[in-house]
Each structure stands twice: as structure tokens, then as C-alpha cells.
C-alpha atoms as a PDB file:
ATOM      1  CA  MET A   1      44.830  34.334  55.250  1.00  0.00           C
ATOM      2  CA  ARG A   2      43.812  31.599  57.670  1.00  0.00           C
ATOM      3  CA  ALA A   3      45.573  33.172  60.669  1.00  0.00           C
ATOM      4  CA  ALA A   4      44.206  36.623  59.896  1.00  0.00           C
ATOM      5  CA  TYR A   5      40.638  35.714  58.905  1.00  0.00           C
ATOM      6  CA  GLY A   6      40.093  32.038  59.721  1.00  0.00           C
ATOM      7  CA  PHE A   7      39.126  30.999  56.200  1.00  0.00           C
ATOM      8  CA  ASP A   8      39.055  27.188  56.041  1.00  0.00           C
ATOM      9  CA  ASP A   9      38.970  26.707  52.288  1.00  0.00           C
ATOM     10  CA  ILE A  10      41.645  28.885  50.743  1.00  0.00           C
ATOM     11  CA  ARG A  11      40.466  27.864  47.253  1.00  0.00           C
ATOM     12  CA  GLN A  12      37.230  29.774  47.820  1.00  0.00           C
ATOM     13  CA  ASN A  13      39.291  32.889  48.481  1.00  0.00           C
ATOM     14  CA  GLU A  14      41.767  32.693  45.617  1.00  0.00           C
ATOM     15  CA  SER A  15      40.578  36.029  44.246  1.00  0.00           C
ATOM     16  CA  LEU A  16      41.430  37.685  47.567  1.00  0.00           C
ATOM     17  CA  ILE A  17      44.875  36.114  47.523  1.00  0.00           C
ATOM     18  CA  HIS A  18      45.517  37.254  43.948  1.00  0.00           C
ATOM     19  CA  ILE A  19      44.412  40.820  44.716  1.00  0.00           C
ATOM     20  CA  ALA A  20      46.589  40.904  47.824  1.00  0.00           C
ATOM     21  CA  GLU A  21      49.584  39.611  45.871  1.00  0.00           C
ATOM     22  CA  ALA A  22      49.018  42.238  43.196  1.00  0.00           C
ATOM     23  CA  LEU A  23      48.705  44.961  45.837  1.00  0.00           C
ATOM     24  CA  VAL A  24      51.964  43.936  47.528  1.00  0.00           C
ATOM     25  CA  HIS A  25      53.678  44.005  44.132  1.00  0.00           C
ATOM     26  CA  GLU A  26      52.296  47.443  43.255  1.00  0.00           C
ATOM     27  CA  MET A  27      53.222  48.851  46.651  1.00  0.00           C
ATOM     28  CA  ALA A  28      56.772  47.535  46.316  1.00  0.00           C
ATOM     29  CA  GLU A  29      57.051  49.050  42.839  1.00  0.00           C
ATOM     30  CA  SER A  30      55.631  52.360  44.034  1.00  0.00           C
ATOM     31  CA  ALA A  31      58.147  52.525  46.876  1.00  0.00           C
ATOM     32  CA  VAL A  32      61.118  52.513  44.494  1.00  0.00           C
ATOM     33  CA  PRO A  33      62.707  55.997  44.599  1.00  0.00           C
ATOM     34  CA  GLY A  34      62.221  57.852  41.317  1.00  0.00           C
ATOM     35  CA  ARG A  35      59.620  55.367  40.102  1.00  0.00           C
ATOM     36  CA  PHE A  36      57.333  58.291  39.240  1.00  0.00           C
ATOM     37  CA  LEU A  37      58.328  61.648  37.807  1.00  0.00           C
ATOM     38  CA  VAL A  38      56.380  63.442  40.534  1.00  0.00           C
ATOM     39  CA  ASN A  39      58.957  62.184  43.070  1.00  0.00           C
ATOM     40  CA  ASN A  40      61.511  64.539  41.546  1.00  0.00           C
ATOM     41  CA  PHE A  41      59.209  67.244  40.188  1.00  0.00           C
ATOM     42  CA  THR A  42      56.550  67.745  42.846  1.00  0.00           C
ATOM     43  CA  PRO A  43      54.459  70.415  41.012  1.00  0.00           C
ATOM     44  CA  LEU A  44      53.113  67.551  38.880  1.00  0.00           C
ATOM     45  CA  LYS A  45      50.840  66.588  41.760  1.00  0.00           C
ATOM     46  CA  TYR A  46      48.711  69.653  40.984  1.00  0.00           C
ATOM     47  CA  ILE A  47      48.008  68.873  37.317  1.00  0.00           C
ATOM     48  CA  PRO A  48      44.928  66.915  36.138  1.00  0.00           C
ATOM     49  CA  SER A  49      45.211  63.173  35.615  1.00  0.00           C
ATOM     50  CA  TRP A  50      44.777  63.440  31.818  1.00  0.00           C
ATOM     51  CA  PHE A  51      47.838  65.677  31.499  1.00  0.00           C
ATOM     52  CA  PRO A  52      51.064  64.083  30.144  1.00  0.00           C
ATOM     53  CA  GLY A  53      53.255  62.972  33.035  1.00  0.00           C
ATOM     54  CA  ALA A  54      50.325  62.540  35.422  1.00  0.00           C
ATOM     55  CA  GLY A  55      49.801  58.831  34.822  1.00  0.00           C
ATOM     56  CA  PHE A  56      50.818  58.248  38.430  1.00  0.00           C
ATOM     57  CA  LYS A  57      47.419  59.589  39.515  1.00  0.00           C
ATOM     58  CA  LYS A  58      45.564  56.844  37.649  1.00  0.00           C
ATOM     59  CA  HIS A  59      48.026  54.308  38.989  1.00  0.00           C
ATOM     60  CA  PHE A  60      47.487  55.317  42.603  1.00  0.00           C
ATOM     61  CA  ARG A  61      43.711  55.418  42.201  1.00  0.00           C
ATOM     62  CA  MET A  62      43.952  51.804  41.059  1.00  0.00           C
ATOM     63  CA  VAL A  63      46.193  50.936  44.019  1.00  0.00           C
ATOM     64  CA  ALA A  64      43.789  52.709  46.402  1.00  0.00           C
ATOM     65  CA  GLN A  65      40.867  50.657  45.068  1.00  0.00           C
ATOM     66  CA  MET A  66      42.847  47.435  45.440  1.00  0.00           C
ATOM     67  CA  SER A  67      43.829  48.443  48.963  1.00  0.00           C
ATOM     68  CA  PHE A  68      40.212  49.179  49.903  1.00  0.00           C
ATOM     69  CA  GLU A  69      39.103  45.756  48.672  1.00  0.00           C
ATOM     70  CA  VAL A  70      41.923  43.906  50.428  1.00  0.00           C
ATOM     71  CA  VAL A  71      41.244  45.705  53.713  1.00  0.00           C
ATOM     72  CA  HIS A  72      37.435  45.519  53.711  1.00  0.00           C
ATOM     73  CA  ARG A  73      36.328  42.439  51.784  1.00  0.00           C
ATOM     74  CA  PRO A  74      37.885  39.623  53.863  1.00  0.00           C
ATOM     75  CA  PHE A  75      36.945  41.318  57.140  1.00  0.00           C
ATOM     76  CA  GLU A  76      33.337  41.689  56.012  1.00  0.00           C
ATOM     77  CA  GLU A  77      33.294  38.022  54.989  1.00  0.00           C
ATOM     78  CA  ALA A  78      34.586  37.072  58.429  1.00  0.00           C
ATOM     79  CA  LYS A  79      31.803  39.162  60.019  1.00  0.00           C
ATOM     80  CA  ARG A  80      29.223  37.491  57.797  1.00  0.00           C
ATOM     81  CA  ASP A  81      30.500  34.039  58.746  1.00  0.00           C
ATOM     82  CA  ILE A  82      30.055  34.865  62.427  1.00  0.00           C
ATOM     83  CA  ASP A  83      26.593  36.390  61.910  1.00  0.00           C
ATOM     84  CA  GLU A  84      25.463  33.279  60.023  1.00  0.00           C
ATOM     85  CA  GLY A  85      26.927  30.887  62.586  1.00  0.00           C
ATOM     86  CA  ARG A  86      29.726  29.567  60.381  1.00  0.00           C
ATOM     87  CA  LYS A  87      32.639  29.350  62.771  1.00  0.00           C
ATOM     88  CA  SER A  88      36.085  28.540  61.441  1.00  0.00           C
ATOM     89  CA  SER A  89      37.959  25.456  62.580  1.00  0.00           C
ATOM     90  CA  TYR A  90      40.950  27.698  63.154  1.00  0.00           C
ATOM     91  CA  PRO A  91      41.409  30.625  65.550  1.00  0.00           C
ATOM     92  CA  SER A  92      41.892  33.935  63.780  1.00  0.00           C
ATOM     93  CA  MET A  93      42.608  37.558  64.506  1.00  0.00           C
ATOM     94  CA  ALA A  94      39.420  38.742  62.803  1.00  0.00           C
ATOM     95  CA  HIS A  95      37.107  36.457  64.784  1.00  0.00           C
ATOM     96  CA  SER A  96      38.848  37.382  68.029  1.00  0.00           C
ATOM     97  CA  PHE A  97      38.508  41.100  67.317  1.00  0.00           C
ATOM     98  CA  ILE A  98      34.898  40.846  66.138  1.00  0.00           C
ATOM     99  CA  ASP A  99      33.876  38.908  69.257  1.00  0.00           C
ATOM    100  CA  ARG A 100      35.280  41.721  71.394  1.00  0.00           C
ATOM    101  CA  LEU A 101      33.728  44.651  69.543  1.00  0.00           C
ATOM    102  CA  PRO A 102      31.111  46.641  71.494  1.00  0.00           C
ATOM    103  CA  GLU A 103      27.465  46.823  70.428  1.00  0.00           C
ATOM    104  CA  ASP A 104      26.513  48.820  67.335  1.00  0.00           C
ATOM    105  CA  SER A 105      25.022  51.514  69.568  1.00  0.00           C
ATOM    106  CA  ASP A 106      28.377  52.131  71.252  1.00  0.00           C
ATOM    107  CA  PRO A 107      29.927  55.411  69.968  1.00  0.00           C
ATOM    108  CA  THR A 108      33.362  53.786  69.810  1.00  0.00           C
ATOM    109  CA  ARG A 109      32.205  50.854  67.682  1.00  0.00           C
ATOM    110  CA  ALA A 110      33.047  52.340  64.266  1.00  0.00           C
ATOM    111  CA  GLU A 111      36.531  53.431  65.293  1.00  0.00           C
ATOM    112  CA  LEU A 112      37.390  50.128  66.980  1.00  0.00           C
ATOM    113  CA  GLU A 113      36.093  48.137  64.012  1.00  0.00           C
ATOM    114  CA  GLU A 114      38.203  50.210  61.624  1.00  0.00           C
ATOM    115  CA  ILE A 115      41.272  49.545  63.778  1.00  0.00           C
ATOM    116  CA  ALA A 116      40.523  45.809  63.839  1.00  0.00           C
ATOM    117  CA  ARG A 117      39.987  45.770  60.068  1.00  0.00           C
ATOM    118  CA  SER A 118      43.295  47.534  59.461  1.00  0.00           C
ATOM    119  CA  VAL A 119      45.264  45.337  61.867  1.00  0.00           C
ATOM    120  CA  CYS A 120      44.021  42.171  60.165  1.00  0.00           C
ATOM    121  CA  ALA A 121      44.930  43.522  56.734  1.00  0.00           C
ATOM    122  CA  ILE A 122      48.391  44.559  57.901  1.00  0.00           C
ATOM    123  CA  ALA A 123      48.972  41.157  59.487  1.00  0.00           C
ATOM    124  CA  TYR A 124      48.151  39.451  56.201  1.00  0.00           C
ATOM    125  CA  LEU A 125      49.761  41.849  53.733  1.00  0.00           C
ATOM    126  CA  ALA A 126      52.905  42.645  55.703  1.00  0.00           C
ATOM    127  CA  GLY A 127      53.408  39.079  56.831  1.00  0.00           C
ATOM    128  CA  ALA A 128      52.738  37.168  53.633  1.00  0.00           C
ATOM    129  CA  GLU A 129      55.749  38.069  51.485  1.00  0.00           C
ATOM    130  CA  THR A 130      58.217  38.497  54.340  1.00  0.00           C
ATOM    131  CA  THR A 131      57.231  35.235  56.029  1.00  0.00           C
ATOM    132  CA  VAL A 132      57.553  33.232  52.817  1.00  0.00           C
ATOM    133  CA  SER A 133      60.914  34.828  52.015  1.00  0.00           C
ATOM    134  CA  SER A 134      62.274  34.156  55.511  1.00  0.00           C
ATOM    135  CA  ALA A 135      61.000  30.570  55.496  1.00  0.00           C
ATOM    136  CA  THR A 136      62.617  29.950  52.101  1.00  0.00           C
ATOM    137  CA  ALA A 137      65.910  31.395  53.360  1.00  0.00           C
ATOM    138  CA  LEU A 138      65.700  29.199  56.468  1.00  0.00           C
ATOM    139  CA  LEU A 139      65.209  26.033  54.403  1.00  0.00           C
ATOM    140  CA  TYR A 140      68.133  27.000  52.178  1.00  0.00           C
ATOM    141  CA  ALA A 141      70.356  27.631  55.206  1.00  0.00           C
ATOM    142  CA  LEU A 142      69.453  24.347  56.895  1.00  0.00           C
ATOM    143  CA  ALA A 143      70.076  22.437  53.657  1.00  0.00           C
ATOM    144  CA  SER A 144      73.424  24.180  53.201  1.00  0.00           C
ATOM    145  CA  TYR A 145      74.515  23.669  56.807  1.00  0.00           C
ATOM    146  CA  PRO A 146      73.202  20.222  57.865  1.00  0.00           C
ATOM    147  CA  GLU A 147      75.237  20.282  61.078  1.00  0.00           C
ATOM    148  CA  ILE A 148      73.201  23.299  62.226  1.00  0.00           C
ATOM    149  CA  GLN A 149      69.984  21.472  61.434  1.00  0.00           C
ATOM    150  CA  THR A 150      71.195  18.520  63.514  1.00  0.00           C
ATOM    151  CA  LYS A 151      71.960  20.740  66.525  1.00  0.00           C
ATOM    152  CA  ALA A 152      68.572  22.444  66.296  1.00  0.00           C
ATOM    153  CA  GLN A 153      66.745  19.132  66.057  1.00  0.00           C
ATOM    154  CA  ALA A 154      68.632  17.802  69.081  1.00  0.00           C
ATOM    155  CA  GLU A 155      67.668  20.866  71.125  1.00  0.00           C
ATOM    156  CA  ILE A 156      64.002  20.564  70.132  1.00  0.00           C
ATOM    157  CA  ASP A 157      63.962  16.825  70.906  1.00  0.00           C
ATOM    158  CA  LYS A 158      65.505  17.448  74.323  1.00  0.00           C
ATOM    159  CA  VAL A 159      63.268  20.350  75.336  1.00  0.00           C
ATOM    160  CA  ILE A 160      59.997  19.689  73.489  1.00  0.00           C
ATOM    161  CA  GLY A 161      60.055  16.040  72.516  1.00  0.00           C
ATOM    162  CA  SER A 162      58.166  14.681  69.536  1.00  0.00           C
ATOM    163  CA  ASP A 163      54.575  15.061  70.741  1.00  0.00           C
ATOM    164  CA  ARG A 164      54.060  18.705  69.778  1.00  0.00           C
ATOM    165  CA  LEU A 165      55.507  21.656  67.896  1.00  0.00           C
ATOM    166  CA  PRO A 166      57.491  24.400  69.650  1.00  0.00           C
ATOM    167  CA  LEU A 167      55.467  27.369  70.888  1.00  0.00           C
ATOM    168  CA  VAL A 168      56.413  30.977  71.556  1.00  0.00           C
ATOM    169  CA  LYS A 169      56.499  30.220  75.278  1.00  0.00           C
ATOM    170  CA  ASP A 170      59.325  27.738  74.627  1.00  0.00           C
ATOM    171  CA  ARG A 171      61.635  30.354  73.130  1.00  0.00           C
ATOM    172  CA  GLY A 172      63.614  30.903  76.317  1.00  0.00           C
ATOM    173  CA  ASP A 173      64.354  27.180  76.518  1.00  0.00           C
ATOM    174  CA  LEU A 174      65.453  26.955  72.867  1.00  0.00           C
ATOM    175  CA  PRO A 175      68.407  29.370  72.647  1.00  0.00           C
ATOM    176  CA  TYR A 176      69.978  27.677  69.629  1.00  0.00           C
ATOM    177  CA  VAL A 177      66.743  27.613  67.622  1.00  0.00           C
ATOM    178  CA  HIS A 178      66.169  31.251  68.549  1.00  0.00           C
ATOM    179  CA  ALA A 179      69.704  32.083  67.412  1.00  0.00           C
ATOM    180  CA  ILE A 180      68.994  30.416  64.065  1.00  0.00           C
ATOM    181  CA  LEU A 181      65.972  32.653  63.529  1.00  0.00           C
ATOM    182  CA  LYS A 182      68.045  35.726  64.366  1.00  0.00           C
ATOM    183  CA  GLU A 183      70.773  34.637  61.988  1.00  0.00           C
ATOM    184  CA  VAL A 184      68.294  34.076  59.152  1.00  0.00           C
ATOM    185  CA  SER A 185      67.088  37.667  59.521  1.00  0.00           C
ATOM    186  CA  ARG A 186      70.673  38.925  59.399  1.00  0.00           C
ATOM    187  CA  TRP A 187      72.120  36.547  56.801  1.00  0.00           C
ATOM    188  CA  TYR A 188      69.304  36.971  54.270  1.00  0.00           C
ATOM    189  CA  THR A 189      67.325  40.064  55.169  1.00  0.00           C
ATOM    190  CA  VAL A 190      64.054  40.196  53.235  1.00  0.00           C
ATOM    191  CA  ALA A 191      64.277  43.981  52.796  1.00  0.00           C
ATOM    192  CA  PRO A 192      67.907  44.666  51.803  1.00  0.00           C
ATOM    193  CA  LEU A 193      67.259  48.352  51.081  1.00  0.00           C
ATOM    194  CA  GLY A 194      64.277  48.819  53.377  1.00  0.00           C
ATOM    195  CA  VAL A 195      61.841  51.560  52.409  1.00  0.00           C
ATOM    196  CA  ALA A 196      63.038  54.964  51.237  1.00  0.00           C
ATOM    197  CA  HIS A 197      62.605  57.833  53.689  1.00  0.00           C
ATOM    198  CA  SER A 198      62.785  61.605  53.392  1.00  0.00           C
ATOM    199  CA  ASN A 199      64.010  64.031  56.035  1.00  0.00           C
ATOM    200  CA  THR A 200      61.571  66.759  57.046  1.00  0.00           C
ATOM    201  CA  GLU A 201      64.273  69.262  58.033  1.00  0.00           C
ATOM    202  CA  ASP A 202      67.829  70.128  57.017  1.00  0.00           C
ATOM    203  CA  ASP A 203      70.244  67.832  58.807  1.00  0.00           C
ATOM    204  CA  GLU A 204      73.913  67.000  59.082  1.00  0.00           C
ATOM    205  CA  TYR A 205      75.430  63.576  59.634  1.00  0.00           C
ATOM    206  CA  ASP A 206      79.089  62.618  59.834  1.00  0.00           C
ATOM    207  CA  GLY A 207      80.117  65.841  58.104  1.00  0.00           C
ATOM    208  CA  TYR A 208      77.518  65.558  55.327  1.00  0.00           C
ATOM    209  CA  PHE A 209      74.844  68.222  54.897  1.00  0.00           C
ATOM    210  CA  ILE A 210      71.478  66.643  54.060  1.00  0.00           C
ATOM    211  CA  PRO A 211      68.937  69.171  52.697  1.00  0.00           C
ATOM    212  CA  LYS A 212      65.292  68.947  53.649  1.00  0.00           C
ATOM    213  CA  GLY A 213      63.368  66.590  51.347  1.00  0.00           C
ATOM    214  CA  THR A 214      66.352  64.397  50.469  1.00  0.00           C
ATOM    215  CA  ILE A 215      65.443  60.802  49.652  1.00  0.00           C
ATOM    216  CA  ILE A 216      67.371  58.557  52.043  1.00  0.00           C
ATOM    217  CA  ILE A 217      67.882  54.852  51.378  1.00  0.00           C
ATOM    218  CA  GLN A 218      69.307  52.704  54.151  1.00  0.00           C
ATOM    219  CA  ASN A 219      71.448  49.761  53.012  1.00  0.00           C
ATOM    220  CA  ASN A 220      70.298  47.111  55.467  1.00  0.00           C
ATOM    221  CA  TRP A 221      72.253  44.440  53.602  1.00  0.00           C
ATOM    222  CA  ALA A 222      75.553  46.292  54.075  1.00  0.00           C
ATOM    223  CA  ILE A 223      74.780  46.990  57.731  1.00  0.00           C
ATOM    224  CA  LEU A 224      74.036  43.332  58.445  1.00  0.00           C
ATOM    225  CA  HIS A 225      77.106  42.116  56.517  1.00  0.00           C
ATOM    226  CA  ASN A 226      79.608  44.567  57.963  1.00  0.00           C
ATOM    227  CA  PRO A 227      82.770  42.538  58.755  1.00  0.00           C
ATOM    228  CA  GLU A 228      83.662  45.033  61.488  1.00  0.00           C
ATOM    229  CA  VAL A 229      80.509  44.011  63.335  1.00  0.00           C
ATOM    230  CA  PHE A 230      79.910  40.426  62.198  1.00  0.00           C
ATOM    231  CA  ASP A 231      82.764  37.949  61.908  1.00  0.00           C
ATOM    232  CA  LYS A 232      82.541  36.030  58.605  1.00  0.00           C
ATOM    233  CA  PRO A 233      79.357  37.915  57.674  1.00  0.00           C
ATOM    234  CA  PHE A 234      78.513  35.804  54.620  1.00  0.00           C
ATOM    235  CA  GLU A 235      78.528  32.561  56.576  1.00  0.00           C
ATOM    236  CA  PHE A 236      75.508  31.269  58.467  1.00  0.00           C
ATOM    237  CA  ILE A 237      76.670  31.128  62.096  1.00  0.00           C
ATOM    238  CA  PRO A 238      73.894  31.076  64.737  1.00  0.00           C
ATOM    239  CA  GLU A 239      76.530  30.777  67.463  1.00  0.00           C
ATOM    240  CA  ARG A 240      77.362  34.456  67.029  1.00  0.00           C
ATOM    241  CA  TYR A 241      74.260  35.145  69.145  1.00  0.00           C
ATOM    242  CA  LEU A 242      75.264  32.720  71.894  1.00  0.00           C
ATOM    243  CA  LYS A 243      78.538  34.315  72.948  1.00  0.00           C
ATOM    244  CA  ASP A 244      77.245  35.837  76.185  1.00  0.00           C
ATOM    245  CA  ALA A 245      76.517  33.720  79.225  1.00  0.00           C
ATOM    246  CA  PHE A 246      73.116  35.419  79.491  1.00  0.00           C
ATOM    247  CA  GLY A 247      72.252  35.319  75.813  1.00  0.00           C
ATOM    248  CA  HIS A 248      68.624  34.297  76.256  1.00  0.00           C
ATOM    249  CA  GLY A 249      65.739  34.308  78.650  1.00  0.00           C
ATOM    250  CA  ARG A 250      64.631  36.942  81.145  1.00  0.00           C
ATOM    251  CA  ARG A 251      67.032  38.289  83.756  1.00  0.00           C
END
């Protein structure tokens, strides 16, 4: 919330946080294949919302309203803060975008503002749950493998020192720390089954005929724990990304 909109006092925006959390939950539930009968019997989308079996229409109207509030309300508050001279102590995406928007008379203003509003919402919604999950997995891994934590700390102390935190620009000089982040994403992927897809045309893969409209679920967990690709896949081994002599940096 702070990175996206620059809000200093998160307590004043608890309602926004709760709505966003609820929206993420509802979106995750809605993405489950077969969650609604209409997924398997598409003619239901043409019946009125009061008809038995059409409860999904009320559900998605509620989700749409929540989505509208999450996308618009914090961005409008950020705009109001700028208009009233209340500048955040923290840099934010919203303030940066708003400062760069053209004048109201510019014909591109509305479109650019809508893009900025959507980007900020995506940054907050898409990053909140995944970032927390990845950070939790990282802490668990470092606690379970203290020798890895020691190596990472030694690399940071050597390259960065103790006067500041690592920055993105330091990534090329921190190959082991970078490898740890890669391994976290593989070892404990935050989206083990991803998001269901559907093919738009008949297809064939590896001898299997896949009719148009088939729901396809990719097993990211199995892919990232395939022993034919990853040695000891259930162990946390950052070194697997340091095998090549040119494993990091530009070349």
C-alpha cells in the first residue's frame, strides 16, 4: 500500500486493506475450475440472476464492485493528497504517475490516468499475497538451512557492508543472494497450479487431442520439482544456479 500509493499511516487505510484482501480471496476462489456451474454449462450465462443456478451473477457483481473500489478509491485519495499539498514521506508509484500526467485539457489525459490507476492497483493486489508468501518461504528456508544464511550474509557484508541495504543495482555483484531468491521461487512456488487456461482452438500435444474449450491446469509444482531437471528437488540448494562460469551479470 505504501509503495503503490504512498500512504504514511496504514491504520487510516485499514478498510482499503481489508477490501483488497477480500478481493484477492474472492478472485482466487473464482479462478478454481468448476467453482461455478456455468463453467461446465455455459448456457446458464444467458438466464436472469434470480433463476436457480445463476447465483454466480450476483457473486461477480459483488466482486466487480469490490474491484472498482480497490482500483479507484486509493488512487483518488492519492490525487487528493497531492492537490491539498499533503506529500507522503515515501516515494510511490501513484504520486510518480500523477506528477507526470498531462493537463486535464489534454485528450490523452483520461486514458493515461486510467492506465496509471490500473497499474497501481495491479502492483498492490498482485504483489501483496505473493510477496508475503515468498518472504515467509524465504525465512523458513534460511531458518532450516543456517549455513546458507551464513554464506548470504558474508556475501552482503563483503559487497555492500553494513551501512545500507542491498539495492537492485547490486544484483550482479550478489550472485549467491540472487541464487537464493531464484531457489525460493522454485522450491516453494506461490502458485503451485497457476491459473486455469482454456484453449481457443482444437489442439494436439504429445499424442493427446485437446478439444477447443478444454480447461487446462498447469502443475507448476511438479514442473519445478522434476528430478530429471532439478537434482534433489525437495532440498533448498541455491548453488544449482551457480554451476555456470557466467551465471550472473551482463555479458
